[in-house]
Amino acid sequence: MSEQKEEIIRFTVDLNESLHRDLSFLAVRCRRSKADLVRQAIVQLLKDMEDEQMVR
C-alpha cells in the first residue's frame, strides 16, 4: 500500500522580534527547524480547539 503525500502550502507569518528570537533559540536547543516547531504548534492548537468544541 502506497501512501500519497499531501501537497505542501507555503505561507508567511509576521512575528515580533522577541518571539522570533525565542523560536530560534528553541529550535537550536531542540535541534529542530523553526518550521517544524511551528507545524507542531499548529497541530496541537487545532487539536486543543477541537477538544474544546467537544466540551461545549
PDB file of N, CA and C in Angstrom:
ATOM      1  N   MET A   1       0.823  -1.182   0.000  1.00  0.00           N
ATOM      2  CA  MET A   1       0.000   0.000   0.000  1.00  0.00           C
ATOM      3  C   MET A   1       0.871   1.251   0.000  1.00  0.00           C
ATOM      4  N   SER A   2       0.672   2.106  -0.958  1.00  0.00           N
ATOM      5  CA  SER A   2       1.461   3.325  -1.083  1.00  0.00           C
ATOM      6  C   SER A   2       0.658   4.519  -0.566  1.00  0.00           C
ATOM      7  N   GLU A   3       1.276   5.287   0.341  1.00  0.00           N
ATOM      8  CA  GLU A   3       0.606   6.478   0.863  1.00  0.00           C
ATOM      9  C   GLU A   3       0.922   7.654  -0.032  1.00  0.00           C
ATOM     10  N   GLN A   4      -0.116   8.410  -0.384  1.00  0.00           N
ATOM     11  CA  GLN A   4       0.072   9.586  -1.215  1.00  0.00           C
ATOM     12  C   GLN A   4       0.453  10.770  -0.331  1.00  0.00           C
ATOM     13  N   LYS A   5       1.498  11.504  -0.721  1.00  0.00           N
ATOM     14  CA  LYS A   5       1.933  12.651   0.057  1.00  0.00           C
ATOM     15  C   LYS A   5       0.993  13.819  -0.186  1.00  0.00           C
ATOM     16  N   GLU A   6       0.728  14.548   0.894  1.00  0.00           N
ATOM     17  CA  GLU A   6      -0.138  15.718   0.798  1.00  0.00           C
ATOM     18  C   GLU A   6       0.668  16.908   0.280  1.00  0.00           C
ATOM     19  N   GLU A   7       0.024  17.734  -0.534  1.00  0.00           N
ATOM     20  CA  GLU A   7       0.674  18.913  -1.087  1.00  0.00           C
ATOM     21  C   GLU A   7       1.074  19.880   0.029  1.00  0.00           C
ATOM     22  N   ILE A   8       2.222  20.512  -0.116  1.00  0.00           N
ATOM     23  CA  ILE A   8       2.710  21.479   0.856  1.00  0.00           C
ATOM     24  C   ILE A   8       2.314  22.880   0.392  1.00  0.00           C
ATOM     25  N   ILE A   9       1.740  23.662   1.295  1.00  0.00           N
ATOM     26  CA  ILE A   9       1.364  25.048   1.032  1.00  0.00           C
ATOM     27  C   ILE A   9       2.263  25.942   1.864  1.00  0.00           C
ATOM     28  N   ARG A  10       2.861  26.937   1.248  1.00  0.00           N
ATOM     29  CA  ARG A  10       3.739  27.877   1.954  1.00  0.00           C
ATOM     30  C   ARG A  10       2.957  29.140   2.283  1.00  0.00           C
ATOM     31  N   PHE A  11       3.128  29.634   3.523  1.00  0.00           N
ATOM     32  CA  PHE A  11       2.535  30.913   3.879  1.00  0.00           C
ATOM     33  C   PHE A  11       3.479  31.655   4.816  1.00  0.00           C
ATOM     34  N   THR A  12       3.250  32.936   4.967  1.00  0.00           N
ATOM     35  CA  THR A  12       4.142  33.788   5.738  1.00  0.00           C
ATOM     36  C   THR A  12       3.447  34.239   7.018  1.00  0.00           C
ATOM     37  N   VAL A  13       4.198  34.239   8.103  1.00  0.00           N
ATOM     38  CA  VAL A  13       3.690  34.719   9.388  1.00  0.00           C
ATOM     39  C   VAL A  13       4.627  35.813   9.880  1.00  0.00           C
ATOM     40  N   ASP A  14       4.070  36.946  10.253  1.00  0.00           N
ATOM     41  CA  ASP A  14       4.873  38.033  10.820  1.00  0.00           C
ATOM     42  C   ASP A  14       4.963  37.847  12.327  1.00  0.00           C
ATOM     43  N   LEU A  15       6.193  37.823  12.849  1.00  0.00           N
ATOM     44  CA  LEU A  15       6.434  37.669  14.281  1.00  0.00           C
ATOM     45  C   LEU A  15       7.171  38.900  14.792  1.00  0.00           C
ATOM     46  N   ASN A  16       6.895  39.266  16.028  1.00  0.00           N
ATOM     47  CA  ASN A  16       7.716  40.331  16.594  1.00  0.00           C
ATOM     48  C   ASN A  16       9.107  39.754  16.872  1.00  0.00           C
ATOM     49  N   GLU A  17      10.053  40.653  17.049  1.00  0.00           N
ATOM     50  CA  GLU A  17      11.455  40.243  17.148  1.00  0.00           C
ATOM     51  C   GLU A  17      11.708  39.291  18.317  1.00  0.00           C
ATOM     52  N   SER A  18      11.099  39.556  19.458  1.00  0.00           N
ATOM     53  CA  SER A  18      11.359  38.702  20.625  1.00  0.00           C
ATOM     54  C   SER A  18      10.773  37.303  20.440  1.00  0.00           C
ATOM     55  N   LEU A  19       9.608  37.201  19.821  1.00  0.00           N
ATOM     56  CA  LEU A  19       9.018  35.882  19.577  1.00  0.00           C
ATOM     57  C   LEU A  19       9.875  35.102  18.573  1.00  0.00           C
ATOM     58  N   HIS A  20      10.365  35.789  17.553  1.00  0.00           N
ATOM     59  CA  HIS A  20      11.235  35.133  16.573  1.00  0.00           C
ATOM     60  C   HIS A  20      12.526  34.658  17.230  1.00  0.00           C
ATOM     61  N   ARG A  21      13.098  35.483  18.090  1.00  0.00           N
ATOM     62  CA  ARG A  21      14.335  35.115  18.793  1.00  0.00           C
ATOM     63  C   ARG A  21      14.090  33.894  19.677  1.00  0.00           C
ATOM     64  N   ASP A  22      12.980  33.894  20.426  1.00  0.00           N
ATOM     65  CA  ASP A  22      12.661  32.755  21.293  1.00  0.00           C
ATOM     66  C   ASP A  22      12.467  31.475  20.487  1.00  0.00           C
ATOM     67  N   LEU A  23      11.788  31.596  19.355  1.00  0.00           N
ATOM     68  CA  LEU A  23      11.580  30.434  18.490  1.00  0.00           C
ATOM     69  C   LEU A  23      12.914  29.923  17.945  1.00  0.00           C
ATOM     70  N   SER A  24      13.776  30.837  17.557  1.00  0.00           N
ATOM     71  CA  SER A  24      15.090  30.450  17.041  1.00  0.00           C
ATOM     72  C   SER A  24      15.917  29.721  18.098  1.00  0.00           C
ATOM     73  N   PHE A  25      15.924  30.246  19.319  1.00  0.00           N
ATOM     74  CA  PHE A  25      16.663  29.595  20.402  1.00  0.00           C
ATOM     75  C   PHE A  25      16.094  28.214  20.694  1.00  0.00           C
ATOM     76  N   LEU A  26      14.771  28.099  20.705  1.00  0.00           N
ATOM     77  CA  LEU A  26      14.140  26.810  20.966  1.00  0.00           C
ATOM     78  C   LEU A  26      14.495  25.806  19.869  1.00  0.00           C
ATOM     79  N   ALA A  27      14.491  26.254  18.635  1.00  0.00           N
ATOM     80  CA  ALA A  27      14.825  25.363  17.514  1.00  0.00           C
ATOM     81  C   ALA A  27      16.246  24.823  17.652  1.00  0.00           C
ATOM     82  N   VAL A  28      17.173  25.697  18.025  1.00  0.00           N
ATOM     83  CA  VAL A  28      18.560  25.254  18.213  1.00  0.00           C
ATOM     84  C   VAL A  28      18.641  24.268  19.367  1.00  0.00           C
ATOM     85  N   ARG A  29      17.994  24.622  20.474  1.00  0.00           N
ATOM     86  CA  ARG A  29      18.045  23.767  21.664  1.00  0.00           C
ATOM     87  C   ARG A  29      17.433  22.390  21.401  1.00  0.00           C
ATOM     88  N   CYS A  30      16.354  22.357  20.625  1.00  0.00           N
ATOM     89  CA  CYS A  30      15.665  21.095  20.337  1.00  0.00           C
ATOM     90  C   CYS A  30      16.223  20.378  19.104  1.00  0.00           C
ATOM     91  N   ARG A  31      17.162  21.059  18.412  1.00  0.00           N
ATOM     92  CA  ARG A  31      17.730  20.507  17.174  1.00  0.00           C
ATOM     93  C   ARG A  31      16.642  20.188  16.155  1.00  0.00           C
ATOM     94  N   ARG A  32      15.721  21.141  16.020  1.00  0.00           N
ATOM     95  CA  ARG A  32      14.625  21.022  15.046  1.00  0.00           C
ATOM     96  C   ARG A  32      14.522  22.346  14.299  1.00  0.00           C
ATOM     97  N   SER A  33      13.883  22.314  13.169  1.00  0.00           N
ATOM     98  CA  SER A  33      13.713  23.555  12.417  1.00  0.00           C
ATOM     99  C   SER A  33      12.591  24.391  13.027  1.00  0.00           C
ATOM    100  N   LYS A  34      12.658  25.685  12.784  1.00  0.00           N
ATOM    101  CA  LYS A  34      11.581  26.570  13.243  1.00  0.00           C
ATOM    102  C   LYS A  34      10.270  26.161  12.580  1.00  0.00           C
ATOM    103  N   ALA A  35      10.336  25.820  11.307  1.00  0.00           N
ATOM    104  CA  ALA A  35       9.125  25.402  10.591  1.00  0.00           C
ATOM    105  C   ALA A  35       8.501  24.167  11.241  1.00  0.00           C
ATOM    106  N   ASP A  36       9.340  23.218  11.639  1.00  0.00           N
ATOM    107  CA  ASP A  36       8.840  22.005  12.288  1.00  0.00           C
ATOM    108  C   ASP A  36       8.156  22.342  13.616  1.00  0.00           C
ATOM    109  N   LEU A  37       8.762  23.238  14.389  1.00  0.00           N
ATOM    110  CA  LEU A  37       8.159  23.634  15.666  1.00  0.00           C
ATOM    111  C   LEU A  37       6.826  24.357  15.453  1.00  0.00           C
ATOM    112  N   VAL A  38       6.762  25.207  14.442  1.00  0.00           N
ATOM    113  CA  VAL A  38       5.522  25.929  14.150  1.00  0.00           C
ATOM    114  C   VAL A  38       4.436  24.958  13.698  1.00  0.00           C
ATOM    115  N   ARG A  39       4.802  24.000  12.828  1.00  0.00           N
ATOM    116  CA  ARG A  39       3.819  22.987  12.398  1.00  0.00           C
ATOM    117  C   ARG A  39       3.290  22.207  13.592  1.00  0.00           C
ATOM    118  N   GLN A  40       4.189  21.810  14.501  1.00  0.00           N
ATOM    119  CA  GLN A  40       3.770  21.068  15.676  1.00  0.00           C
ATOM    120  C   GLN A  40       2.824  21.910  16.537  1.00  0.00           C
ATOM    121  N   ALA A  41       3.129  23.189  16.694  1.00  0.00           N
ATOM    122  CA  ALA A  41       2.277  24.075  17.491  1.00  0.00           C
ATOM    123  C   ALA A  41       0.895  24.224  16.856  1.00  0.00           C
ATOM    124  N   ILE A  42       0.839  24.325  15.531  1.00  0.00           N
ATOM    125  CA  ILE A  42      -0.446  24.460  14.852  1.00  0.00           C
ATOM    126  C   ILE A  42      -1.276  23.189  15.005  1.00  0.00           C
ATOM    127  N   VAL A  43      -0.640  22.039  14.841  1.00  0.00           N
ATOM    128  CA  VAL A  43      -1.354  20.764  15.009  1.00  0.00           C
ATOM    129  C   VAL A  43      -1.927  20.674  16.422  1.00  0.00           C
ATOM    130  N   GLN A  44      -1.128  21.050  17.426  1.00  0.00           N
ATOM    131  CA  GLN A  44      -1.588  20.993  18.810  1.00  0.00           C
ATOM    132  C   GLN A  44      -2.729  21.978  19.048  1.00  0.00           C
ATOM    133  N   LEU A  45      -2.618  23.181  18.500  1.00  0.00           N
ATOM    134  CA  LEU A  45      -3.679  24.180  18.648  1.00  0.00           C
ATOM    135  C   LEU A  45      -4.987  23.683  18.043  1.00  0.00           C
ATOM    136  N   LEU A  46      -4.913  23.117  16.844  1.00  0.00           N
ATOM    137  CA  LEU A  46      -6.130  22.602  16.206  1.00  0.00           C
ATOM    138  C   LEU A  46      -6.743  21.467  17.015  1.00  0.00           C
ATOM    139  N   LYS A  47      -5.912  20.598  17.568  1.00  0.00           N
ATOM    140  CA  LYS A  47      -6.413  19.508  18.414  1.00  0.00           C
ATOM    141  C   LYS A  47      -7.073  20.072  19.667  1.00  0.00           C
ATOM    142  N   ASP A  48      -6.417  21.036  20.301  1.00  0.00           N
ATOM    143  CA  ASP A  48      -6.978  21.646  21.514  1.00  0.00           C
ATOM    144  C   ASP A  48      -8.309  22.338  21.219  1.00  0.00           C
ATOM    145  N   MET A  49      -8.378  23.040  20.091  1.00  0.00           N
ATOM    146  CA  MET A  49      -9.616  23.736  19.719  1.00  0.00           C
ATOM    147  C   MET A  49     -10.734  22.731  19.450  1.00  0.00           C
ATOM    148  N   GLU A  50     -10.379  21.623  18.800  1.00  0.00           N
ATOM    149  CA  GLU A  50     -11.364  20.581  18.519  1.00  0.00           C
ATOM    150  C   GLU A  50     -11.872  19.981  19.835  1.00  0.00           C
ATOM    151  N   ASP A  51     -10.947  19.696  20.765  1.00  0.00           N
ATOM    152  CA  ASP A  51     -11.334  19.149  22.062  1.00  0.00           C
ATOM    153  C   ASP A  51     -12.225  20.125  22.819  1.00  0.00           C
ATOM    154  N   GLU A  52     -11.902  21.417  22.725  1.00  0.00           N
ATOM    155  CA  GLU A  52     -12.693  22.441  23.406  1.00  0.00           C
ATOM    156  C   GLU A  52     -14.095  22.498  22.836  1.00  0.00           C
ATOM    157  N   GLN A  53     -14.223  22.343  21.519  1.00  0.00           N
ATOM    158  CA  GLN A  53     -15.529  22.347  20.879  1.00  0.00           C
ATOM    159  C   GLN A  53     -16.365  21.148  21.322  1.00  0.00           C
ATOM    160  N   MET A  54     -15.704  20.032  21.599  1.00  0.00           N
ATOM    161  CA  MET A  54     -16.401  18.828  22.038  1.00  0.00           C
ATOM    162  C   MET A  54     -16.995  19.024  23.429  1.00  0.00           C
ATOM    163  N   VAL A  55     -16.364  19.857  24.237  1.00  0.00           N
ATOM    164  CA  VAL A  55     -16.818  20.082  25.606  1.00  0.00           C
ATOM    165  C   VAL A  55     -18.031  21.005  25.617  1.00  0.00           C
ATOM    166  N   ARG A  56     -18.097  21.943  24.692  1.00  0.00           N
ATOM    167  CA  ARG A  56     -19.205  22.925  24.659  1.00  0.00           C
ATOM    168  C   ARG A  56     -20.505  22.329  24.226  1.00  0.00           C
TER     169      ARG A  56
END
